[in-house]
Amino acid sequence: MQKAIGVMDSGVGGLTAVKQIQQMLPNENIIYFGDSLRMPYGNRTYQEVVEYANAIIEFLEKKEVKAIVIACNTVSSQITKLQAKVPLFGIVEYGCQEAAEVAKGEKTIGLIATVATVKSGIYEKTMKKIAPDKKIIANDSSRLPKVINSQMENAILLYMLIKESIDPIYKEDVQTLILGCSHFPIIEKEIKTLYPSLRLIDPAVRQIKELKKYLEQNHMQNDKQGAKYTHLYTTADMFEYVASIKRLELKLNKLEEVKLFLND
């Protein structure tokens, strides 16, 4: 059986990366791990984030994945501290690359992300290397990822938190906005309803394009059509994933609750 691509996230957000893989690499098997029990990672210490991420990487490597897509921006901000035997594909660099290309004539680019991602300054540092002429204006949200993960049907709360996250940036005449948390592309429709003029950047699109390029260059892609699978593992309630799976129109073969640590 062909080895799978691993995808890791703190919750349902990384399913946006799964969607991109299913569209761009339709013959690939996928193993997804969402650590919903401990989400949002953006409210955790960096030490905790690294500990959790390394445990997930170990889980995925035991499943013999050939590469791991880090959908979580908070984990990607700590990528140099992670331990892996297979290639890791972070998301921050690709988000910056895509935004810089899309916003060619703009001096400022907006970013909404978790507290930990914004606090790390990783997007500012990365953008400075890619496009030194551009400035990142960031705002964080500690509640929005959690609401997307488990209370997406609460439209009033959802719209309130979207406005709370974006309004301070929007006032700075930002035209391009990086969705710097994997959960945010799930609610692109709601964001566009409130801010129709904003260009939204989903870093996972560029991330999976680069993954595809890597697999092709290293002759690691699965070209065989036919039976393939997408397996999803979570540390919390499986039913939290149902709404996002349906909204993203994902094909799924298996949904299973597992323990990451003995005390889970």
C-alpha atoms as a PDB file:
ATOM      1  CA  MET A   1       0.000   0.000   0.000  1.00  0.00           C
ATOM      2  CA  GLN A   2       1.224   3.495  -0.881  1.00  0.00           C
ATOM      3  CA  LYS A   3       2.479   5.614   2.031  1.00  0.00           C
ATOM      4  CA  ALA A   4       0.201   8.454   3.108  1.00  0.00           C
ATOM      5  CA  ILE A   5       0.717  12.186   3.583  1.00  0.00           C
ATOM      6  CA  GLY A   6       0.391  13.187   7.239  1.00  0.00           C
ATOM      7  CA  VAL A   7      -1.480  16.356   8.214  1.00  0.00           C
ATOM      8  CA  MET A   8      -1.433  17.743  11.745  1.00  0.00           C
ATOM      9  CA  ASP A   9      -3.387  20.481  13.480  1.00  0.00           C
ATOM     10  CA  SER A  10      -4.752  21.457  16.884  1.00  0.00           C
ATOM     11  CA  GLY A  11      -8.322  20.778  15.771  1.00  0.00           C
ATOM     12  CA  VAL A  12     -10.575  20.893  12.705  1.00  0.00           C
ATOM     13  CA  GLY A  13      -8.671  23.735  10.993  1.00  0.00           C
ATOM     14  CA  GLY A  14      -6.206  21.498   9.182  1.00  0.00           C
ATOM     15  CA  LEU A  15      -9.082  19.978   7.243  1.00  0.00           C
ATOM     16  CA  THR A  16      -8.635  22.977   4.929  1.00  0.00           C
ATOM     17  CA  ALA A  17      -5.217  21.511   4.032  1.00  0.00           C
ATOM     18  CA  VAL A  18      -6.843  18.091   3.532  1.00  0.00           C
ATOM     19  CA  LYS A  19      -9.244  19.705   1.058  1.00  0.00           C
ATOM     20  CA  GLN A  20      -6.333  21.143  -0.918  1.00  0.00           C
ATOM     21  CA  ILE A  21      -4.566  17.747  -0.966  1.00  0.00           C
ATOM     22  CA  GLN A  22      -7.705  15.977  -2.169  1.00  0.00           C
ATOM     23  CA  GLN A  23      -8.049  18.538  -4.964  1.00  0.00           C
ATOM     24  CA  MET A  24      -4.390  18.857  -6.040  1.00  0.00           C
ATOM     25  CA  LEU A  25      -3.163  15.330  -5.221  1.00  0.00           C
ATOM     26  CA  PRO A  26      -6.271  13.184  -5.776  1.00  0.00           C
ATOM     27  CA  ASN A  27      -4.371   9.879  -5.773  1.00  0.00           C
ATOM     28  CA  GLU A  28      -2.732  10.378  -2.384  1.00  0.00           C
ATOM     29  CA  ASN A  29      -3.657   8.705   0.903  1.00  0.00           C
ATOM     30  CA  ILE A  30      -4.024  11.081   3.875  1.00  0.00           C
ATOM     31  CA  ILE A  31      -3.697  10.556   7.628  1.00  0.00           C
ATOM     32  CA  TYR A  32      -4.922  13.505   9.657  1.00  0.00           C
ATOM     33  CA  PHE A  33      -4.379  14.188  13.356  1.00  0.00           C
ATOM     34  CA  GLY A  34      -6.354  16.905  15.136  1.00  0.00           C
ATOM     35  CA  ASP A  35      -5.525  17.498  18.805  1.00  0.00           C
ATOM     36  CA  SER A  36      -8.923  18.955  19.727  1.00  0.00           C
ATOM     37  CA  LEU A  37      -8.484  18.047  23.397  1.00  0.00           C
ATOM     38  CA  ARG A  38      -5.768  20.696  23.788  1.00  0.00           C
ATOM     39  CA  MET A  39      -6.869  23.276  21.241  1.00  0.00           C
ATOM     40  CA  PRO A  40      -6.413  26.145  20.690  1.00  0.00           C
ATOM     41  CA  TYR A  41      -2.620  25.843  20.663  1.00  0.00           C
ATOM     42  CA  GLY A  42      -2.472  29.618  20.336  1.00  0.00           C
ATOM     43  CA  ASN A  43      -3.309  29.954  24.032  1.00  0.00           C
ATOM     44  CA  ARG A  44      -0.567  27.494  25.084  1.00  0.00           C
ATOM     45  CA  THR A  45       3.082  28.087  25.989  1.00  0.00           C
ATOM     46  CA  TYR A  46       5.650  27.437  23.252  1.00  0.00           C
ATOM     47  CA  GLN A  47       7.080  24.583  25.353  1.00  0.00           C
ATOM     48  CA  GLU A  48       3.659  22.905  25.424  1.00  0.00           C
ATOM     49  CA  VAL A  49       3.161  23.437  21.683  1.00  0.00           C
ATOM     50  CA  VAL A  50       6.499  21.776  20.869  1.00  0.00           C
ATOM     51  CA  GLU A  51       5.747  18.858  23.219  1.00  0.00           C
ATOM     52  CA  TYR A  52       2.326  18.243  21.672  1.00  0.00           C
ATOM     53  CA  ALA A  53       3.590  18.657  18.109  1.00  0.00           C
ATOM     54  CA  ASN A  54       6.454  16.191  18.586  1.00  0.00           C
ATOM     55  CA  ALA A  55       4.010  13.640  20.020  1.00  0.00           C
ATOM     56  CA  ILE A  56       1.779  14.018  16.949  1.00  0.00           C
ATOM     57  CA  ILE A  57       4.756  13.716  14.616  1.00  0.00           C
ATOM     58  CA  GLU A  58       5.731  10.477  16.384  1.00  0.00           C
ATOM     59  CA  PHE A  59       2.156   9.178  15.995  1.00  0.00           C
ATOM     60  CA  LEU A  60       2.126   9.968  12.269  1.00  0.00           C
ATOM     61  CA  GLU A  61       5.586   8.492  11.687  1.00  0.00           C
ATOM     62  CA  LYS A  62       4.425   5.232  13.280  1.00  0.00           C
ATOM     63  CA  LYS A  63       1.749   5.229  10.557  1.00  0.00           C
ATOM     64  CA  GLU A  64       4.662   5.424   8.061  1.00  0.00           C
ATOM     65  CA  VAL A  65       3.720   8.728   6.429  1.00  0.00           C
ATOM     66  CA  LYS A  66       6.118  10.027   3.763  1.00  0.00           C
ATOM     67  CA  ALA A  67       5.776  13.744   4.655  1.00  0.00           C
ATOM     68  CA  ILE A  68       3.938  15.835   7.238  1.00  0.00           C
ATOM     69  CA  VAL A  69       1.950  18.975   6.496  1.00  0.00           C
ATOM     70  CA  ILE A  70       1.855  21.289   9.530  1.00  0.00           C
ATOM     71  CA  ALA A  71      -1.473  23.036   9.090  1.00  0.00           C
ATOM     72  CA  CYS A  72      -1.233  24.812  12.456  1.00  0.00           C
ATOM     73  CA  ASN A  73       0.407  28.253  12.242  1.00  0.00           C
ATOM     74  CA  THR A  74       1.304  28.183  15.943  1.00  0.00           C
ATOM     75  CA  VAL A  75       3.202  24.896  15.490  1.00  0.00           C
ATOM     76  CA  SER A  76       4.816  26.238  12.306  1.00  0.00           C
ATOM     77  CA  SER A  77       6.156  29.190  14.287  1.00  0.00           C
ATOM     78  CA  GLN A  78       8.187  26.649  16.313  1.00  0.00           C
ATOM     79  CA  ILE A  79       9.190  24.388  13.396  1.00  0.00           C
ATOM     80  CA  THR A  80      12.942  24.627  14.096  1.00  0.00           C
ATOM     81  CA  LYS A  81      12.351  22.934  17.481  1.00  0.00           C
ATOM     82  CA  LEU A  82      10.446  19.951  16.077  1.00  0.00           C
ATOM     83  CA  GLN A  83      11.904  16.464  15.695  1.00  0.00           C
ATOM     84  CA  ALA A  84      10.986  14.480  12.604  1.00  0.00           C
ATOM     85  CA  LYS A  85      12.436  11.781  10.349  1.00  0.00           C
ATOM     86  CA  VAL A  86      10.268  12.786   7.379  1.00  0.00           C
ATOM     87  CA  PRO A  87      10.039  16.178   5.615  1.00  0.00           C
ATOM     88  CA  LEU A  88       7.939  18.788   7.416  1.00  0.00           C
ATOM     89  CA  PHE A  89       5.967  21.400   5.479  1.00  0.00           C
ATOM     90  CA  GLY A  90       5.256  24.461   7.597  1.00  0.00           C
ATOM     91  CA  ILE A  91       2.667  27.031   6.589  1.00  0.00           C
ATOM     92  CA  VAL A  92       3.949  30.497   7.549  1.00  0.00           C
ATOM     93  CA  GLU A  93       6.495  30.888   4.741  1.00  0.00           C
ATOM     94  CA  TYR A  94       3.957  29.935   2.086  1.00  0.00           C
ATOM     95  CA  GLY A  95       1.359  32.325   3.469  1.00  0.00           C
ATOM     96  CA  CYS A  96       3.871  35.169   3.232  1.00  0.00           C
ATOM     97  CA  GLN A  97       4.941  34.210  -0.295  1.00  0.00           C
ATOM     98  CA  GLU A  98       1.363  34.102  -1.556  1.00  0.00           C
ATOM     99  CA  ALA A  99       0.400  37.366   0.136  1.00  0.00           C
ATOM    100  CA  ALA A 100       3.480  39.183  -1.183  1.00  0.00           C
ATOM    101  CA  GLU A 101       2.673  38.123  -4.746  1.00  0.00           C
ATOM    102  CA  VAL A 102      -1.034  38.971  -4.510  1.00  0.00           C
ATOM    103  CA  ALA A 103      -0.445  42.354  -2.820  1.00  0.00           C
ATOM    104  CA  LYS A 104       2.269  43.589  -5.192  1.00  0.00           C
ATOM    105  CA  GLY A 105       1.429  47.280  -5.035  1.00  0.00           C
ATOM    106  CA  GLU A 106       0.445  47.360  -1.377  1.00  0.00           C
ATOM    107  CA  LYS A 107       2.651  48.464   1.518  1.00  0.00           C
ATOM    108  CA  THR A 108       0.660  46.786   4.288  1.00  0.00           C
ATOM    109  CA  ILE A 109      -0.758  43.267   4.584  1.00  0.00           C
ATOM    110  CA  GLY A 110      -3.187  42.231   7.305  1.00  0.00           C
ATOM    111  CA  LEU A 111      -2.908  39.114   9.438  1.00  0.00           C
ATOM    112  CA  ILE A 112      -5.350  37.479  11.823  1.00  0.00           C
ATOM    113  CA  ALA A 113      -3.956  34.601  13.852  1.00  0.00           C
ATOM    114  CA  THR A 114      -3.820  33.065  17.322  1.00  0.00           C
ATOM    115  CA  VAL A 115      -2.264  34.856  20.288  1.00  0.00           C
ATOM    116  CA  ALA A 116       0.867  32.664  20.152  1.00  0.00           C
ATOM    117  CA  THR A 117       1.409  33.150  16.407  1.00  0.00           C
ATOM    118  CA  VAL A 118       1.064  36.930  16.630  1.00  0.00           C
ATOM    119  CA  LYS A 119       3.222  37.080  19.764  1.00  0.00           C
ATOM    120  CA  SER A 120       5.991  35.072  18.075  1.00  0.00           C
ATOM    121  CA  GLY A 121       6.343  37.680  15.318  1.00  0.00           C
ATOM    122  CA  ILE A 122       7.041  34.856  12.858  1.00  0.00           C
ATOM    123  CA  TYR A 123       4.978  36.368  10.036  1.00  0.00           C
ATOM    124  CA  GLU A 124       6.737  39.736  10.373  1.00  0.00           C
ATOM    125  CA  LYS A 125      10.177  38.075  10.396  1.00  0.00           C
ATOM    126  CA  THR A 126       9.334  35.863   7.427  1.00  0.00           C
ATOM    127  CA  MET A 127       7.794  38.671   5.375  1.00  0.00           C
ATOM    128  CA  LYS A 128      10.859  40.819   6.013  1.00  0.00           C
ATOM    129  CA  LYS A 129      12.963  38.156   4.254  1.00  0.00           C
ATOM    130  CA  ILE A 130      10.520  37.636   1.371  1.00  0.00           C
ATOM    131  CA  ALA A 131       9.319  41.214   0.757  1.00  0.00           C
ATOM    132  CA  PRO A 132      11.155  43.767   2.929  1.00  0.00           C
ATOM    133  CA  ASP A 133       9.022  46.606   1.541  1.00  0.00           C
ATOM    134  CA  LYS A 134       5.837  45.174   3.061  1.00  0.00           C
ATOM    135  CA  LYS A 135       4.585  45.630   6.608  1.00  0.00           C
ATOM    136  CA  ILE A 136       2.383  43.135   8.472  1.00  0.00           C
ATOM    137  CA  ILE A 137      -0.439  44.567  10.586  1.00  0.00           C
ATOM    138  CA  ALA A 138      -1.601  41.770  12.893  1.00  0.00           C
ATOM    139  CA  ASN A 139      -4.419  41.119  15.302  1.00  0.00           C
ATOM    140  CA  ASP A 140      -4.980  38.002  17.396  1.00  0.00           C
ATOM    141  CA  SER A 141      -8.013  36.100  18.590  1.00  0.00           C
ATOM    142  CA  SER A 142      -8.073  33.672  21.478  1.00  0.00           C
ATOM    143  CA  ARG A 143     -11.742  32.695  21.038  1.00  0.00           C
ATOM    144  CA  LEU A 144     -12.478  32.512  17.306  1.00  0.00           C
ATOM    145  CA  PRO A 145     -10.600  29.226  16.606  1.00  0.00           C
ATOM    146  CA  LYS A 146     -12.441  27.502  19.470  1.00  0.00           C
ATOM    147  CA  VAL A 147     -15.820  28.723  18.228  1.00  0.00           C
ATOM    148  CA  ILE A 148     -15.055  27.467  14.712  1.00  0.00           C
ATOM    149  CA  ASN A 149     -13.971  24.144  16.177  1.00  0.00           C
ATOM    150  CA  SER A 150     -17.076  23.434  18.225  1.00  0.00           C
ATOM    151  CA  GLN A 151     -19.702  26.221  18.026  1.00  0.00           C
ATOM    152  CA  MET A 152     -19.848  27.129  14.346  1.00  0.00           C
ATOM    153  CA  GLU A 153     -23.651  27.005  14.396  1.00  0.00           C
ATOM    154  CA  ASN A 154     -23.645  30.000  16.786  1.00  0.00           C
ATOM    155  CA  ALA A 155     -23.816  32.606  13.996  1.00  0.00           C
ATOM    156  CA  ILE A 156     -24.198  35.635  16.288  1.00  0.00           C
ATOM    157  CA  LEU A 157     -21.060  34.780  18.271  1.00  0.00           C
ATOM    158  CA  LEU A 158     -19.168  33.829  15.121  1.00  0.00           C
ATOM    159  CA  TYR A 159     -19.848  37.138  13.359  1.00  0.00           C
ATOM    160  CA  MET A 160     -19.076  39.095  16.530  1.00  0.00           C
ATOM    161  CA  LEU A 161     -15.657  37.454  16.888  1.00  0.00           C
ATOM    162  CA  ILE A 162     -14.866  37.882  13.179  1.00  0.00           C
ATOM    163  CA  LYS A 163     -15.501  41.619  13.483  1.00  0.00           C
ATOM    164  CA  GLU A 164     -13.529  41.764  16.727  1.00  0.00           C
ATOM    165  CA  SER A 165     -10.563  40.170  14.923  1.00  0.00           C
ATOM    166  CA  ILE A 166     -10.652  42.076  11.632  1.00  0.00           C
ATOM    167  CA  ASP A 167     -12.074  45.546  12.404  1.00  0.00           C
ATOM    168  CA  PRO A 168      -8.846  46.926  13.978  1.00  0.00           C
ATOM    169  CA  ILE A 169      -6.888  45.834  10.877  1.00  0.00           C
ATOM    170  CA  TYR A 170      -9.523  46.909   8.368  1.00  0.00           C
ATOM    171  CA  LYS A 171      -9.361  50.461   9.725  1.00  0.00           C
ATOM    172  CA  GLU A 172      -5.700  50.567   8.632  1.00  0.00           C
ATOM    173  CA  ASP A 173      -6.743  50.427   4.952  1.00  0.00           C
ATOM    174  CA  VAL A 174      -5.662  46.802   4.542  1.00  0.00           C
ATOM    175  CA  GLN A 175      -6.761  45.196   1.270  1.00  0.00           C
ATOM    176  CA  THR A 176      -5.104  41.778   1.609  1.00  0.00           C
ATOM    177  CA  LEU A 177      -5.597  39.599   4.691  1.00  0.00           C
ATOM    178  CA  ILE A 178      -3.651  36.453   5.597  1.00  0.00           C
ATOM    179  CA  LEU A 179      -5.792  33.885   7.400  1.00  0.00           C
ATOM    180  CA  GLY A 180      -3.014  32.960   9.821  1.00  0.00           C
ATOM    181  CA  CYS A 181      -4.866  30.197  11.656  1.00  0.00           C
ATOM    182  CA  SER A 182      -5.869  26.994   9.874  1.00  0.00           C
ATOM    183  CA  HIS A 183      -9.408  27.310  11.266  1.00  0.00           C
ATOM    184  CA  PHE A 184     -10.091  30.639   9.557  1.00  0.00           C
ATOM    185  CA  PRO A 185     -10.422  29.455   5.914  1.00  0.00           C
ATOM    186  CA  ILE A 186     -13.360  27.325   7.087  1.00  0.00           C
ATOM    187  CA  ILE A 187     -15.310  30.561   7.588  1.00  0.00           C
ATOM    188  CA  GLU A 188     -14.144  32.365   4.417  1.00  0.00           C
ATOM    189  CA  LYS A 189     -17.768  32.742   3.334  1.00  0.00           C
ATOM    190  CA  GLU A 190     -18.702  34.570   6.559  1.00  0.00           C
ATOM    191  CA  ILE A 191     -15.604  36.799   6.376  1.00  0.00           C
ATOM    192  CA  LYS A 192     -16.374  37.741   2.757  1.00  0.00           C
ATOM    193  CA  THR A 193     -19.953  38.565   3.745  1.00  0.00           C
ATOM    194  CA  LEU A 194     -18.694  41.115   6.275  1.00  0.00           C
ATOM    195  CA  TYR A 195     -15.684  42.337   4.262  1.00  0.00           C
ATOM    196  CA  PRO A 196     -16.427  41.812   0.536  1.00  0.00           C
ATOM    197  CA  SER A 197     -13.523  44.003  -0.611  1.00  0.00           C
ATOM    198  CA  LEU A 198     -10.839  42.053   1.273  1.00  0.00           C
ATOM    199  CA  ARG A 199      -8.592  39.620  -0.612  1.00  0.00           C
ATOM    200  CA  LEU A 200      -8.225  36.577   1.627  1.00  0.00           C
ATOM    201  CA  ILE A 201      -5.064  34.472   1.615  1.00  0.00           C
ATOM    202  CA  ASP A 202      -5.357  30.821   2.631  1.00  0.00           C
ATOM    203  CA  PRO A 203      -1.709  29.750   3.166  1.00  0.00           C
ATOM    204  CA  ALA A 204      -2.639  26.070   2.709  1.00  0.00           C
ATOM    205  CA  VAL A 205      -3.155  26.595  -1.040  1.00  0.00           C
ATOM    206  CA  ARG A 206       0.494  27.537  -1.612  1.00  0.00           C
ATOM    207  CA  GLN A 207       1.643  25.009   1.005  1.00  0.00           C
ATOM    208  CA  ILE A 208       0.088  22.056  -0.835  1.00  0.00           C
ATOM    209  CA  LYS A 209       1.353  23.328  -4.204  1.00  0.00           C
ATOM    210  CA  GLU A 210       4.872  23.201  -2.755  1.00  0.00           C
ATOM    211  CA  LEU A 211       4.221  19.736  -1.294  1.00  0.00           C
ATOM    212  CA  LYS A 212       3.091  18.532  -4.724  1.00  0.00           C
ATOM    213  CA  LYS A 213       6.231  19.953  -6.323  1.00  0.00           C
ATOM    214  CA  TYR A 214       8.419  18.224  -3.719  1.00  0.00           C
ATOM    215  CA  LEU A 215       6.743  14.844  -4.201  1.00  0.00           C
ATOM    216  CA  GLU A 216       7.085  15.086  -7.980  1.00  0.00           C
ATOM    217  CA  GLN A 217      10.742  16.146  -7.867  1.00  0.00           C
ATOM    218  CA  ASN A 218      11.588  13.263  -5.511  1.00  0.00           C
ATOM    219  CA  HIS A 219       9.421  10.685  -7.325  1.00  0.00           C
ATOM    220  CA  MET A 220       7.332  10.156  -4.185  1.00  0.00           C
ATOM    221  CA  GLN A 221       3.884  10.867  -5.591  1.00  0.00           C
ATOM    222  CA  ASN A 222       1.235   8.186  -5.894  1.00  0.00           C
ATOM    223  CA  ASP A 223       0.175   8.094  -9.536  1.00  0.00           C
ATOM    224  CA  LYS A 224      -1.967   5.007  -9.179  1.00  0.00           C
ATOM    225  CA  GLN A 225      -5.676   5.644  -9.431  1.00  0.00           C
ATOM    226  CA  GLY A 226      -8.162   3.526  -7.558  1.00  0.00           C
ATOM    227  CA  ALA A 227      -8.479   2.670  -3.870  1.00  0.00           C
ATOM    228  CA  LYS A 228      -7.164   5.435  -1.620  1.00  0.00           C
ATOM    229  CA  TYR A 229      -8.041   6.553   1.885  1.00  0.00           C
ATOM    230  CA  THR A 230      -8.328   9.539   4.194  1.00  0.00           C
ATOM    231  CA  HIS A 231      -8.149   8.608   7.878  1.00  0.00           C
ATOM    232  CA  LEU A 232      -8.828  11.142  10.616  1.00  0.00           C
ATOM    233  CA  TYR A 233      -7.697  10.794  14.243  1.00  0.00           C
ATOM    234  CA  THR A 234      -8.691  13.158  17.048  1.00  0.00           C
ATOM    235  CA  THR A 235      -8.064  13.382  20.797  1.00  0.00           C
ATOM    236  CA  ALA A 236     -11.560  14.739  21.546  1.00  0.00           C
ATOM    237  CA  ASP A 237     -15.145  14.413  20.418  1.00  0.00           C
ATOM    238  CA  MET A 238     -15.302  13.070  16.864  1.00  0.00           C
ATOM    239  CA  PHE A 239     -18.589  14.842  16.245  1.00  0.00           C
ATOM    240  CA  GLU A 240     -16.839  18.233  16.384  1.00  0.00           C
ATOM    241  CA  TYR A 241     -15.480  17.362  12.931  1.00  0.00           C
ATOM    242  CA  VAL A 242     -18.766  16.529  11.241  1.00  0.00           C
ATOM    243  CA  ALA A 243     -19.804  20.123  10.450  1.00  0.00           C
ATOM    244  CA  SER A 244     -16.405  21.026   8.963  1.00  0.00           C
ATOM    245  CA  ILE A 245     -16.188  17.797   6.949  1.00  0.00           C
ATOM    246  CA  LYS A 246     -19.617  18.516   5.490  1.00  0.00           C
ATOM    247  CA  ARG A 247     -18.889  22.205   4.852  1.00  0.00           C
ATOM    248  CA  LEU A 248     -15.582  21.434   3.091  1.00  0.00           C
ATOM    249  CA  GLU A 249     -17.136  18.487   1.185  1.00  0.00           C
ATOM    250  CA  LEU A 250     -14.337  16.117   2.191  1.00  0.00           C
ATOM    251  CA  LYS A 251     -14.136  12.446   1.346  1.00  0.00           C
ATOM    252  CA  LEU A 252     -13.421  10.484   4.519  1.00  0.00           C
ATOM    253  CA  ASN A 253     -12.981   6.751   5.153  1.00  0.00           C
ATOM    254  CA  LYS A 254     -12.300   6.681   8.884  1.00  0.00           C
ATOM    255  CA  LEU A 255     -12.888   8.899  11.934  1.00  0.00           C
ATOM    256  CA  GLU A 256     -11.414   7.675  15.215  1.00  0.00           C
ATOM    257  CA  GLU A 257     -10.801   9.049  18.698  1.00  0.00           C
ATOM    258  CA  VAL A 258      -7.352   8.248  20.121  1.00  0.00           C
ATOM    259  CA  LYS A 259      -5.138   9.157  23.070  1.00  0.00           C
ATOM    260  CA  LEU A 260      -2.012  11.208  22.497  1.00  0.00           C
ATOM    261  CA  PHE A 261      -0.723  10.881  26.067  1.00  0.00           C
ATOM    262  CA  LEU A 262      -1.455   8.268  28.732  1.00  0.00           C
ATOM    263  CA  ASN A 263      -3.368  10.741  30.913  1.00  0.00           C
ATOM    264  CA  ASP A 264      -5.759  11.794  28.119  1.00  0.00           C
END
